[in-house]
N, C-alpha and C. Protein backbone atom coordinates (compact mmCIF):
# COMPACT_ATOMS: atom_id res chain seq x y z
N MET A 1 0.85 -1.19 0.00
CA MET A 1 0.00 0.00 0.00
C MET A 1 0.89 1.25 0.00
N ARG A 2 0.44 2.23 -0.71
CA ARG A 2 1.19 3.47 -0.83
C ARG A 2 0.35 4.63 -0.31
N LYS A 3 0.98 5.53 0.43
CA LYS A 3 0.28 6.69 0.97
C LYS A 3 -0.24 7.56 -0.17
N ILE A 4 -1.54 7.87 -0.10
CA ILE A 4 -2.16 8.73 -1.11
C ILE A 4 -2.50 10.07 -0.48
N THR A 5 -2.02 11.12 -1.09
CA THR A 5 -2.38 12.47 -0.67
C THR A 5 -3.35 13.03 -1.69
N LYS A 6 -4.60 13.13 -1.31
CA LYS A 6 -5.61 13.55 -2.28
C LYS A 6 -5.48 15.03 -2.63
N GLU A 7 -5.68 15.29 -3.91
CA GLU A 7 -5.77 16.68 -4.37
C GLU A 7 -7.05 17.29 -3.79
N PRO A 8 -7.13 18.62 -3.71
CA PRO A 8 -8.38 19.25 -3.25
C PRO A 8 -9.55 18.77 -4.09
N GLU A 9 -10.72 18.75 -3.49
CA GLU A 9 -11.92 18.30 -4.20
C GLU A 9 -12.10 19.11 -5.48
N PRO A 10 -12.27 18.43 -6.62
CA PRO A 10 -12.42 19.17 -7.89
C PRO A 10 -13.73 19.95 -7.93
N LYS A 11 -13.70 21.06 -8.60
CA LYS A 11 -14.86 21.95 -8.65
C LYS A 11 -16.08 21.27 -9.28
N PHE A 12 -15.84 20.43 -10.30
CA PHE A 12 -16.98 19.79 -10.96
C PHE A 12 -17.73 18.87 -10.00
N TRP A 13 -17.03 18.30 -9.02
CA TRP A 13 -17.66 17.41 -8.04
C TRP A 13 -18.44 18.23 -7.00
N SER A 14 -17.79 19.27 -6.48
CA SER A 14 -18.45 20.10 -5.47
C SER A 14 -19.65 20.86 -6.07
N ASP A 15 -19.52 21.31 -7.32
CA ASP A 15 -20.63 22.01 -7.97
C ASP A 15 -21.84 21.09 -8.14
N PHE A 16 -21.60 19.85 -8.52
CA PHE A 16 -22.69 18.90 -8.69
C PHE A 16 -23.40 18.65 -7.36
N LYS A 17 -22.63 18.51 -6.29
CA LYS A 17 -23.23 18.27 -4.97
C LYS A 17 -24.06 19.47 -4.51
N LYS A 18 -23.62 20.65 -4.85
CA LYS A 18 -24.40 21.84 -4.49
C LYS A 18 -25.73 21.88 -5.22
N LYS A 19 -25.71 21.43 -6.47
CA LYS A 19 -26.94 21.41 -7.26
C LYS A 19 -27.86 20.27 -6.85
N ASN A 20 -27.27 19.21 -6.28
CA ASN A 20 -28.02 18.02 -5.91
C ASN A 20 -27.68 17.60 -4.48
N PRO A 21 -28.05 18.41 -3.50
CA PRO A 21 -27.61 18.21 -2.12
C PRO A 21 -28.08 16.91 -1.47
N LYS A 22 -29.17 16.31 -1.97
CA LYS A 22 -29.70 15.10 -1.34
C LYS A 22 -29.37 13.82 -2.11
N ILE A 23 -28.63 13.95 -3.17
CA ILE A 23 -28.36 12.78 -4.01
C ILE A 23 -27.38 11.82 -3.34
N LYS A 24 -27.56 10.53 -3.59
CA LYS A 24 -26.66 9.49 -3.11
C LYS A 24 -25.88 8.94 -4.30
N TYR A 25 -24.72 8.40 -4.04
CA TYR A 25 -23.85 7.92 -5.11
C TYR A 25 -24.55 6.89 -5.99
N ASN A 26 -25.31 6.00 -5.39
CA ASN A 26 -25.98 4.95 -6.16
C ASN A 26 -27.00 5.52 -7.16
N ASN A 27 -27.46 6.75 -6.94
CA ASN A 27 -28.40 7.37 -7.86
C ASN A 27 -27.74 7.86 -9.14
N LEU A 28 -26.42 8.01 -9.12
CA LEU A 28 -25.73 8.60 -10.26
C LEU A 28 -25.85 7.76 -11.53
N LYS A 29 -25.87 6.43 -11.37
CA LYS A 29 -25.88 5.57 -12.56
C LYS A 29 -27.18 5.64 -13.35
N SER A 30 -28.22 6.21 -12.76
CA SER A 30 -29.51 6.35 -13.46
C SER A 30 -29.64 7.69 -14.18
N MET A 31 -28.55 8.49 -14.12
CA MET A 31 -28.56 9.81 -14.74
C MET A 31 -27.41 9.90 -15.75
N VAL A 32 -27.67 10.49 -16.91
CA VAL A 32 -26.60 10.68 -17.89
C VAL A 32 -25.49 11.52 -17.29
N GLU A 33 -25.86 12.63 -16.66
CA GLU A 33 -24.87 13.49 -16.02
C GLU A 33 -24.15 12.75 -14.91
N GLY A 34 -24.88 11.90 -14.19
CA GLY A 34 -24.28 11.15 -13.08
C GLY A 34 -23.25 10.14 -13.57
N CYS A 35 -23.54 9.46 -14.68
CA CYS A 35 -22.60 8.49 -15.24
C CYS A 35 -21.32 9.19 -15.70
N GLU A 36 -21.49 10.33 -16.31
CA GLU A 36 -20.34 11.11 -16.75
C GLU A 36 -19.53 11.58 -15.55
N LEU A 37 -20.22 11.94 -14.49
CA LEU A 37 -19.55 12.41 -13.28
C LEU A 37 -18.73 11.30 -12.64
N ARG A 38 -19.30 10.10 -12.58
CA ARG A 38 -18.57 8.96 -12.00
C ARG A 38 -17.29 8.66 -12.77
N SER A 39 -17.39 8.72 -14.09
CA SER A 39 -16.22 8.48 -14.93
C SER A 39 -15.19 9.59 -14.77
N ARG A 40 -15.67 10.80 -14.67
CA ARG A 40 -14.77 11.95 -14.56
C ARG A 40 -14.02 11.96 -13.23
N ILE A 41 -14.71 11.62 -12.14
CA ILE A 41 -14.04 11.61 -10.84
C ILE A 41 -13.06 10.44 -10.77
N ARG A 42 -13.39 9.33 -11.43
CA ARG A 42 -12.46 8.20 -11.45
C ARG A 42 -11.18 8.57 -12.19
N ASP A 43 -11.32 9.22 -13.33
CA ASP A 43 -10.15 9.65 -14.09
C ASP A 43 -9.30 10.62 -13.27
N PHE A 44 -9.97 11.52 -12.55
CA PHE A 44 -9.27 12.50 -11.70
C PHE A 44 -8.49 11.78 -10.61
N MET A 45 -9.11 10.77 -9.98
CA MET A 45 -8.45 10.05 -8.88
C MET A 45 -7.31 9.17 -9.37
N ILE A 46 -7.48 8.56 -10.53
CA ILE A 46 -6.40 7.73 -11.07
C ILE A 46 -5.15 8.56 -11.31
N LYS A 47 -5.35 9.76 -11.84
CA LYS A 47 -4.21 10.65 -12.05
C LYS A 47 -3.59 11.06 -10.72
N ASN A 48 -4.43 11.34 -9.73
CA ASN A 48 -3.95 11.70 -8.40
C ASN A 48 -3.18 10.54 -7.76
N GLN A 49 -3.62 9.30 -8.04
CA GLN A 49 -2.98 8.11 -7.48
C GLN A 49 -1.83 7.62 -8.36
N LYS A 50 -1.50 8.41 -9.35
CA LYS A 50 -0.37 8.13 -10.25
C LYS A 50 -0.51 6.77 -10.95
N GLY A 51 -1.76 6.46 -11.30
CA GLY A 51 -2.02 5.27 -12.11
C GLY A 51 -1.99 3.96 -11.36
N LEU A 52 -2.13 3.99 -10.03
CA LEU A 52 -2.06 2.77 -9.24
C LEU A 52 -3.33 2.52 -8.45
N CYS A 53 -3.70 1.26 -8.30
CA CYS A 53 -4.81 0.89 -7.44
C CYS A 53 -4.53 1.37 -6.02
N CYS A 54 -5.54 1.89 -5.37
CA CYS A 54 -5.35 2.46 -4.04
C CYS A 54 -4.89 1.44 -3.01
N TYR A 55 -5.17 0.15 -3.23
CA TYR A 55 -4.84 -0.87 -2.25
C TYR A 55 -3.64 -1.75 -2.64
N CYS A 56 -3.68 -2.36 -3.82
CA CYS A 56 -2.62 -3.32 -4.18
C CYS A 56 -1.51 -2.70 -5.02
N CYS A 57 -1.72 -1.50 -5.53
CA CYS A 57 -0.72 -0.81 -6.36
C CYS A 57 -0.47 -1.46 -7.71
N LYS A 58 -1.46 -2.21 -8.22
CA LYS A 58 -1.41 -2.63 -9.61
C LYS A 58 -1.65 -1.41 -10.49
N SER A 59 -1.20 -1.46 -11.73
CA SER A 59 -1.46 -0.38 -12.66
C SER A 59 -2.94 -0.39 -13.06
N ILE A 60 -3.55 0.78 -13.06
CA ILE A 60 -4.95 0.88 -13.47
C ILE A 60 -5.15 2.05 -14.42
N ASP A 61 -6.24 1.96 -15.17
CA ASP A 61 -6.71 3.08 -15.97
C ASP A 61 -8.24 3.07 -15.88
N THR A 62 -8.91 3.85 -16.70
CA THR A 62 -10.36 3.94 -16.58
C THR A 62 -11.08 2.67 -17.03
N THR A 63 -10.37 1.78 -17.74
CA THR A 63 -11.02 0.56 -18.25
C THR A 63 -10.96 -0.61 -17.28
N ASN A 64 -10.07 -0.57 -16.29
CA ASN A 64 -9.93 -1.72 -15.38
C ASN A 64 -9.99 -1.29 -13.91
N SER A 65 -10.80 -0.27 -13.65
CA SER A 65 -10.90 0.24 -12.28
C SER A 65 -12.32 0.73 -12.02
N HIS A 66 -12.59 1.05 -10.78
CA HIS A 66 -13.89 1.60 -10.41
C HIS A 66 -13.71 2.50 -9.19
N ASN A 67 -14.75 3.23 -8.86
CA ASN A 67 -14.70 4.12 -7.70
C ASN A 67 -15.00 3.34 -6.43
N GLU A 68 -14.11 3.42 -5.49
CA GLU A 68 -14.21 2.68 -4.24
C GLU A 68 -14.55 3.60 -3.08
N HIS A 69 -15.52 3.18 -2.26
CA HIS A 69 -15.84 3.90 -1.04
C HIS A 69 -15.07 3.25 0.11
N ILE A 70 -14.15 3.99 0.71
CA ILE A 70 -13.36 3.43 1.81
C ILE A 70 -14.30 2.95 2.91
N LYS A 71 -15.20 3.81 3.33
CA LYS A 71 -16.24 3.43 4.28
C LYS A 71 -17.47 3.05 3.45
N PRO A 72 -17.89 1.79 3.53
CA PRO A 72 -18.97 1.28 2.66
C PRO A 72 -20.24 2.11 2.69
N GLN A 73 -20.86 2.21 1.53
CA GLN A 73 -22.05 3.04 1.40
C GLN A 73 -23.22 2.58 2.27
N ASN A 74 -23.38 1.26 2.41
CA ASN A 74 -24.53 0.78 3.16
C ASN A 74 -24.41 1.09 4.65
N SER A 75 -23.17 1.20 5.16
CA SER A 75 -22.96 1.50 6.58
C SER A 75 -22.77 2.99 6.82
N TYR A 76 -22.32 3.70 5.80
CA TYR A 76 -22.05 5.14 5.93
C TYR A 76 -22.72 5.88 4.76
N PRO A 77 -24.06 5.84 4.68
CA PRO A 77 -24.75 6.45 3.54
C PRO A 77 -24.50 7.94 3.38
N ARG A 78 -24.26 8.63 4.48
CA ARG A 78 -24.03 10.07 4.38
C ARG A 78 -22.69 10.41 3.73
N LEU A 79 -21.82 9.42 3.62
CA LEU A 79 -20.50 9.66 3.02
C LEU A 79 -20.41 9.17 1.58
N SER A 80 -21.54 8.78 1.01
CA SER A 80 -21.49 8.18 -0.34
C SER A 80 -21.00 9.17 -1.40
N MET A 81 -21.20 10.46 -1.17
CA MET A 81 -20.73 11.47 -2.12
C MET A 81 -19.55 12.27 -1.57
N ASP A 82 -19.03 11.82 -0.46
CA ASP A 82 -17.89 12.51 0.16
C ASP A 82 -16.62 12.20 -0.64
N TYR A 83 -16.07 13.21 -1.25
CA TYR A 83 -14.87 13.05 -2.07
C TYR A 83 -13.74 12.38 -1.31
N HIS A 84 -13.62 12.69 -0.02
CA HIS A 84 -12.53 12.13 0.78
C HIS A 84 -12.78 10.70 1.22
N ASN A 85 -13.92 10.15 0.83
CA ASN A 85 -14.21 8.73 1.08
C ASN A 85 -14.08 7.92 -0.20
N LEU A 86 -13.64 8.55 -1.26
CA LEU A 86 -13.53 7.90 -2.56
C LEU A 86 -12.09 7.73 -3.01
N LEU A 87 -11.82 6.55 -3.57
CA LEU A 87 -10.52 6.26 -4.19
C LEU A 87 -10.77 5.40 -5.42
N ALA A 88 -9.77 5.25 -6.24
CA ALA A 88 -9.88 4.38 -7.42
C ALA A 88 -9.22 3.04 -7.11
N SER A 89 -10.00 1.97 -7.27
CA SER A 89 -9.51 0.62 -6.98
C SER A 89 -9.51 -0.21 -8.27
N CYS A 90 -8.66 -1.23 -8.31
CA CYS A 90 -8.64 -2.13 -9.47
C CYS A 90 -9.93 -2.94 -9.49
N ASP A 91 -10.21 -3.57 -10.63
CA ASP A 91 -11.44 -4.34 -10.81
C ASP A 91 -11.26 -5.82 -10.51
N ALA A 92 -10.15 -6.23 -9.94
CA ALA A 92 -9.90 -7.64 -9.65
C ALA A 92 -11.00 -8.19 -8.75
N LYS A 93 -11.50 -9.36 -9.06
CA LYS A 93 -12.62 -9.94 -8.31
C LYS A 93 -12.20 -10.60 -7.00
N MET A 94 -10.93 -10.97 -6.89
CA MET A 94 -10.49 -11.76 -5.73
C MET A 94 -9.80 -10.94 -4.65
N HIS A 95 -9.53 -9.68 -4.91
CA HIS A 95 -8.84 -8.87 -3.90
C HIS A 95 -9.26 -7.41 -3.98
N CYS A 96 -8.70 -6.62 -3.08
CA CYS A 96 -8.98 -5.18 -2.97
C CYS A 96 -10.46 -4.92 -2.68
N ASP A 97 -11.07 -3.97 -3.36
CA ASP A 97 -12.43 -3.56 -3.02
C ASP A 97 -13.44 -4.70 -3.12
N HIS A 98 -13.30 -5.56 -4.15
CA HIS A 98 -14.26 -6.65 -4.32
C HIS A 98 -14.15 -7.67 -3.19
N ALA A 99 -12.97 -7.86 -2.65
CA ALA A 99 -12.82 -8.75 -1.50
C ALA A 99 -13.37 -8.10 -0.24
N LYS A 100 -13.17 -6.81 -0.12
CA LYS A 100 -13.62 -6.06 1.05
C LYS A 100 -15.14 -5.97 1.13
N GLY A 101 -15.77 -5.64 0.02
CA GLY A 101 -17.22 -5.54 0.01
C GLY A 101 -17.72 -4.59 1.09
N SER A 102 -18.69 -5.06 1.86
CA SER A 102 -19.27 -4.25 2.93
C SER A 102 -18.65 -4.55 4.29
N LYS A 103 -17.67 -5.45 4.29
CA LYS A 103 -17.00 -5.79 5.54
C LYS A 103 -15.98 -4.70 5.85
N TYR A 104 -16.10 -4.11 7.01
CA TYR A 104 -15.22 -2.97 7.31
C TYR A 104 -15.30 -2.65 8.79
N ASP A 105 -14.15 -2.61 9.44
CA ASP A 105 -14.06 -2.21 10.85
C ASP A 105 -13.14 -1.00 10.89
N GLU A 106 -13.72 0.16 11.11
CA GLU A 106 -12.96 1.41 11.06
C GLU A 106 -11.79 1.42 12.05
N SER A 107 -11.94 0.74 13.18
CA SER A 107 -10.89 0.76 14.20
C SER A 107 -9.69 -0.08 13.80
N PHE A 108 -9.83 -0.96 12.78
CA PHE A 108 -8.73 -1.82 12.38
C PHE A 108 -8.25 -1.59 10.96
N PHE A 109 -9.08 -0.99 10.14
CA PHE A 109 -8.73 -0.86 8.72
C PHE A 109 -7.65 0.19 8.50
N VAL A 110 -6.66 -0.17 7.68
CA VAL A 110 -5.61 0.77 7.29
C VAL A 110 -6.00 1.39 5.95
N SER A 111 -6.21 2.69 5.95
CA SER A 111 -6.57 3.39 4.73
C SER A 111 -5.32 3.95 4.06
N PRO A 112 -5.29 3.98 2.72
CA PRO A 112 -4.16 4.60 2.01
C PRO A 112 -4.04 6.09 2.30
N LEU A 113 -5.06 6.66 2.92
CA LEU A 113 -5.01 8.08 3.27
C LEU A 113 -4.36 8.30 4.63
N ASP A 114 -4.15 7.22 5.39
CA ASP A 114 -3.51 7.34 6.71
C ASP A 114 -2.04 7.70 6.55
N ASP A 115 -1.57 8.64 7.34
CA ASP A 115 -0.17 9.08 7.23
C ASP A 115 0.82 7.94 7.45
N ASP A 116 0.49 6.98 8.31
CA ASP A 116 1.43 5.91 8.63
C ASP A 116 1.09 4.60 7.93
N CYS A 117 0.29 4.65 6.89
CA CYS A 117 -0.17 3.41 6.26
C CYS A 117 0.98 2.54 5.76
N GLU A 118 2.03 3.15 5.23
CA GLU A 118 3.13 2.37 4.67
C GLU A 118 3.91 1.61 5.74
N ASN A 119 3.83 2.09 6.97
CA ASN A 119 4.54 1.42 8.06
C ASN A 119 3.77 0.24 8.63
N GLN A 120 2.57 0.01 8.13
CA GLN A 120 1.73 -1.07 8.64
C GLN A 120 1.97 -2.40 7.92
N PHE A 121 2.88 -2.37 6.92
CA PHE A 121 3.09 -3.57 6.10
C PHE A 121 4.57 -3.81 5.82
N GLU A 122 4.90 -5.08 5.59
CA GLU A 122 6.23 -5.44 5.13
C GLU A 122 6.08 -6.46 4.01
N TYR A 123 7.12 -6.57 3.18
CA TYR A 123 7.04 -7.42 2.00
C TYR A 123 8.10 -8.52 2.05
N LEU A 124 7.80 -9.64 1.41
CA LEU A 124 8.72 -10.77 1.37
C LEU A 124 9.08 -11.07 -0.09
N PRO A 125 10.28 -11.61 -0.33
CA PRO A 125 10.71 -11.90 -1.70
C PRO A 125 9.81 -12.87 -2.46
N ASP A 126 9.04 -13.68 -1.73
CA ASP A 126 8.16 -14.63 -2.41
C ASP A 126 6.84 -14.00 -2.84
N GLY A 127 6.74 -12.67 -2.68
CA GLY A 127 5.55 -11.97 -3.15
C GLY A 127 4.50 -11.71 -2.10
N ARG A 128 4.72 -12.22 -0.90
CA ARG A 128 3.73 -11.99 0.15
C ARG A 128 3.88 -10.61 0.78
N ILE A 129 2.76 -10.11 1.31
CA ILE A 129 2.76 -8.90 2.09
C ILE A 129 2.20 -9.26 3.46
N GLU A 130 2.82 -8.76 4.51
CA GLU A 130 2.38 -9.08 5.86
C GLU A 130 2.15 -7.80 6.66
N GLY A 131 1.20 -7.85 7.56
CA GLY A 131 0.94 -6.71 8.42
C GLY A 131 1.95 -6.67 9.55
N THR A 132 2.42 -5.49 9.89
CA THR A 132 3.36 -5.34 11.00
C THR A 132 2.63 -5.00 12.29
N SER A 133 1.31 -4.89 12.22
CA SER A 133 0.48 -4.57 13.37
C SER A 133 -0.84 -5.30 13.21
N ASP A 134 -1.66 -5.27 14.25
CA ASP A 134 -2.98 -5.90 14.15
C ASP A 134 -3.81 -5.25 13.04
N LYS A 135 -3.67 -3.92 12.90
CA LYS A 135 -4.40 -3.22 11.84
C LYS A 135 -3.91 -3.67 10.46
N GLY A 136 -2.60 -3.80 10.34
CA GLY A 136 -2.04 -4.24 9.07
C GLY A 136 -2.49 -5.64 8.71
N LYS A 137 -2.47 -6.55 9.68
CA LYS A 137 -2.88 -7.94 9.45
C LYS A 137 -4.35 -8.01 9.06
N TYR A 138 -5.17 -7.24 9.76
CA TYR A 138 -6.61 -7.21 9.45
C TYR A 138 -6.83 -6.74 8.02
N THR A 139 -6.11 -5.70 7.62
CA THR A 139 -6.29 -5.11 6.29
C THR A 139 -5.81 -6.05 5.19
N VAL A 140 -4.68 -6.72 5.41
CA VAL A 140 -4.18 -7.69 4.42
C VAL A 140 -5.22 -8.79 4.20
N ASN A 141 -5.79 -9.29 5.28
CA ASN A 141 -6.78 -10.36 5.17
C ASN A 141 -8.08 -9.86 4.53
N LEU A 142 -8.53 -8.68 4.96
CA LEU A 142 -9.78 -8.15 4.44
C LEU A 142 -9.71 -7.90 2.94
N LEU A 143 -8.61 -7.34 2.48
CA LEU A 143 -8.44 -7.02 1.06
C LEU A 143 -7.88 -8.19 0.26
N ASN A 144 -7.54 -9.28 0.95
CA ASN A 144 -6.94 -10.46 0.31
C ASN A 144 -5.72 -10.06 -0.53
N LEU A 145 -4.83 -9.31 0.08
CA LEU A 145 -3.65 -8.81 -0.63
C LEU A 145 -2.62 -9.89 -0.90
N ASN A 146 -2.86 -11.10 -0.41
CA ASN A 146 -1.98 -12.23 -0.73
C ASN A 146 -2.68 -13.23 -1.64
N SER A 147 -3.60 -12.73 -2.46
CA SER A 147 -4.23 -13.60 -3.44
C SER A 147 -3.15 -14.16 -4.36
N TYR A 148 -3.43 -15.29 -4.98
CA TYR A 148 -2.43 -15.97 -5.80
C TYR A 148 -1.86 -15.06 -6.89
N ASP A 149 -2.74 -14.35 -7.59
CA ASP A 149 -2.26 -13.52 -8.70
C ASP A 149 -1.37 -12.38 -8.23
N LEU A 150 -1.70 -11.80 -7.08
CA LEU A 150 -0.86 -10.72 -6.56
C LEU A 150 0.49 -11.24 -6.10
N ARG A 151 0.49 -12.38 -5.41
CA ARG A 151 1.76 -12.95 -4.93
C ARG A 151 2.67 -13.29 -6.10
N GLN A 152 2.10 -13.91 -7.11
CA GLN A 152 2.91 -14.30 -8.27
C GLN A 152 3.45 -13.08 -9.02
N ALA A 153 2.62 -12.06 -9.18
CA ALA A 153 3.04 -10.85 -9.89
C ALA A 153 4.15 -10.13 -9.13
N ARG A 154 4.01 -10.02 -7.80
CA ARG A 154 5.04 -9.35 -7.00
C ARG A 154 6.33 -10.16 -7.00
N LYS A 155 6.21 -11.47 -6.89
CA LYS A 155 7.39 -12.34 -6.89
C LYS A 155 8.16 -12.21 -8.20
N THR A 156 7.43 -12.23 -9.31
CA THR A 156 8.07 -12.10 -10.63
C THR A 156 8.76 -10.75 -10.77
N LEU A 157 8.11 -9.70 -10.32
CA LEU A 157 8.69 -8.36 -10.43
C LEU A 157 9.93 -8.23 -9.55
N PHE A 158 9.90 -8.83 -8.36
CA PHE A 158 11.07 -8.79 -7.47
C PHE A 158 12.27 -9.44 -8.16
N LYS A 159 12.06 -10.55 -8.84
CA LYS A 159 13.15 -11.23 -9.55
C LYS A 159 13.70 -10.36 -10.67
N LYS A 160 12.80 -9.66 -11.36
CA LYS A 160 13.25 -8.76 -12.43
C LYS A 160 14.11 -7.63 -11.86
N CYS A 161 13.76 -7.16 -10.69
CA CYS A 161 14.54 -6.10 -10.06
C CYS A 161 15.92 -6.61 -9.65
N LEU A 162 15.98 -7.83 -9.19
CA LEU A 162 17.29 -8.42 -8.85
C LEU A 162 18.16 -8.52 -10.09
N GLU A 163 17.58 -8.91 -11.21
CA GLU A 163 18.33 -9.01 -12.46
C GLU A 163 18.81 -7.64 -12.91
N ALA A 164 17.96 -6.63 -12.78
CA ALA A 164 18.35 -5.27 -13.15
C ALA A 164 19.47 -4.78 -12.25
N ALA A 165 19.39 -5.11 -10.97
CA ALA A 165 20.40 -4.67 -10.00
C ALA A 165 21.76 -5.27 -10.30
N GLU A 166 21.80 -6.46 -10.88
CA GLU A 166 23.07 -7.09 -11.25
C GLU A 166 23.76 -6.29 -12.34
N LEU A 167 22.97 -5.66 -13.21
CA LEU A 167 23.54 -4.80 -14.25
C LEU A 167 23.98 -3.47 -13.66
N ASP A 168 23.08 -2.86 -12.88
CA ASP A 168 23.35 -1.58 -12.23
C ASP A 168 22.22 -1.30 -11.26
N PRO A 169 22.51 -1.20 -9.96
CA PRO A 169 21.45 -0.92 -8.97
C PRO A 169 20.62 0.32 -9.29
N LYS A 170 21.22 1.28 -9.99
CA LYS A 170 20.48 2.50 -10.33
C LYS A 170 19.31 2.21 -11.26
N LEU A 171 19.40 1.11 -12.00
CA LEU A 171 18.33 0.76 -12.93
C LEU A 171 17.04 0.42 -12.20
N VAL A 172 17.17 -0.14 -11.00
CA VAL A 172 15.98 -0.49 -10.23
C VAL A 172 15.17 0.77 -9.94
N TYR A 173 15.86 1.82 -9.54
CA TYR A 173 15.16 3.07 -9.27
C TYR A 173 14.59 3.65 -10.55
N GLU A 174 15.38 3.67 -11.60
CA GLU A 174 14.96 4.30 -12.85
C GLU A 174 13.79 3.57 -13.51
N TRP A 175 13.81 2.24 -13.43
CA TRP A 175 12.80 1.44 -14.13
C TRP A 175 11.58 1.12 -13.28
N TYR A 176 11.78 0.93 -11.98
CA TYR A 176 10.71 0.36 -11.16
C TYR A 176 10.23 1.25 -10.01
N ILE A 177 10.83 2.43 -9.84
CA ILE A 177 10.42 3.33 -8.76
C ILE A 177 10.14 4.74 -9.28
N HIS A 178 10.95 5.19 -10.18
CA HIS A 178 10.88 6.58 -10.66
C HIS A 178 9.56 6.88 -11.38
N GLU A 179 8.99 8.03 -11.10
CA GLU A 179 7.75 8.46 -11.75
C GLU A 179 7.98 8.71 -13.23
N ARG A 180 7.05 8.26 -14.06
CA ARG A 180 7.16 8.42 -15.51
C ARG A 180 6.84 9.86 -15.93
N GLU A 181 7.15 10.15 -17.17
CA GLU A 181 6.87 11.49 -17.71
C GLU A 181 5.38 11.80 -17.72
N ASP A 182 4.56 10.75 -17.82
CA ASP A 182 3.11 10.96 -17.84
C ASP A 182 2.50 11.04 -16.44
N GLY A 183 3.36 11.05 -15.42
CA GLY A 183 2.89 11.17 -14.05
C GLY A 183 2.51 9.87 -13.38
N ARG A 184 2.64 8.75 -14.09
CA ARG A 184 2.31 7.45 -13.52
C ARG A 184 3.53 6.84 -12.82
N LEU A 185 3.27 6.02 -11.83
CA LEU A 185 4.33 5.27 -11.14
C LEU A 185 4.29 3.81 -11.60
N PRO A 186 5.42 3.11 -11.55
CA PRO A 186 5.43 1.69 -11.93
C PRO A 186 4.58 0.86 -10.97
N ARG A 187 4.02 -0.22 -11.46
CA ARG A 187 3.19 -1.10 -10.62
C ARG A 187 4.00 -1.66 -9.45
N PHE A 188 3.33 -1.88 -8.35
CA PHE A 188 3.92 -2.43 -7.13
C PHE A 188 5.13 -1.62 -6.64
N VAL A 189 5.09 -0.33 -6.89
CA VAL A 189 6.20 0.52 -6.45
C VAL A 189 6.34 0.50 -4.93
N ASP A 190 5.24 0.23 -4.24
CA ASP A 190 5.30 0.14 -2.78
C ASP A 190 6.25 -0.96 -2.33
N MET A 191 6.15 -2.13 -2.98
CA MET A 191 7.02 -3.26 -2.64
C MET A 191 8.48 -2.99 -3.03
N ILE A 192 8.68 -2.51 -4.25
CA ILE A 192 10.04 -2.30 -4.73
C ILE A 192 10.75 -1.23 -3.91
N LYS A 193 10.05 -0.16 -3.57
CA LYS A 193 10.66 0.88 -2.75
C LYS A 193 11.00 0.35 -1.36
N TYR A 194 10.16 -0.53 -0.84
CA TYR A 194 10.42 -1.15 0.46
C TYR A 194 11.77 -1.87 0.44
N PHE A 195 11.99 -2.72 -0.57
CA PHE A 195 13.25 -3.45 -0.67
C PHE A 195 14.42 -2.53 -1.03
N TYR A 196 14.13 -1.53 -1.85
CA TYR A 196 15.17 -0.58 -2.25
C TYR A 196 15.69 0.18 -1.03
N ASP A 197 14.77 0.62 -0.17
CA ASP A 197 15.17 1.36 1.03
C ASP A 197 15.92 0.46 2.02
N LEU A 198 15.66 -0.85 1.96
CA LEU A 198 16.39 -1.78 2.82
C LEU A 198 17.80 -2.08 2.28
N GLY A 199 18.06 -1.63 1.07
CA GLY A 199 19.37 -1.88 0.46
C GLY A 199 19.50 -3.23 -0.20
N VAL A 200 18.38 -3.89 -0.45
CA VAL A 200 18.40 -5.24 -1.04
C VAL A 200 19.03 -5.26 -2.43
N PHE A 201 18.85 -4.19 -3.19
CA PHE A 201 19.34 -4.16 -4.56
C PHE A 201 20.73 -3.53 -4.69
N ILE A 202 21.34 -3.23 -3.55
CA ILE A 202 22.69 -2.66 -3.58
C ILE A 202 23.70 -3.76 -3.30
N GLU A 203 24.68 -3.88 -4.13
CA GLU A 203 25.68 -4.93 -4.00
C GLU A 203 26.45 -4.77 -2.70
N LYS A 204 26.50 -5.83 -1.92
CA LYS A 204 27.19 -5.80 -0.63
C LYS A 204 28.71 -5.87 -0.82
């Protein structure tokens, strides 16, 4: 998980809420303007998140992602249109938002908006992610961040970074951590930066 610092609420979102003060998020899909608004806010958040899923840090765009409510709509209906309760999540069926569903314990859940969220997890070379606290463990399990596809993808990427480091450790930063010209970050940058900061890719 990577710390997300949200941009200020976009004017198009706040203007719509002013015009429709009683509307709920679920009502948007029945309106042409609402459908356009959902797509527009998703595109805005993806750019803010530098092209990464808010939870697993897979690469996302508007075709393989959706708008995620950190605090579920059925339990927190008043927050359904709250910009600060929205993030862009990947569309994977086995992990992240789809695994979380309506299950949510605010006292244990680690949000990507939390200042210390990155300190709640550690990564292993075999692709696993583990919680370093009870909150971290709860969140890993709730989001199923150790699903088979995620573990395999992280494991494969870690091996690629080791191979790059054998050529030149600087390549790991340039290829797998450094922000692209289009403002996007490489997938699983949270894991690679974790190992990079530990000095794993620096020749002893």
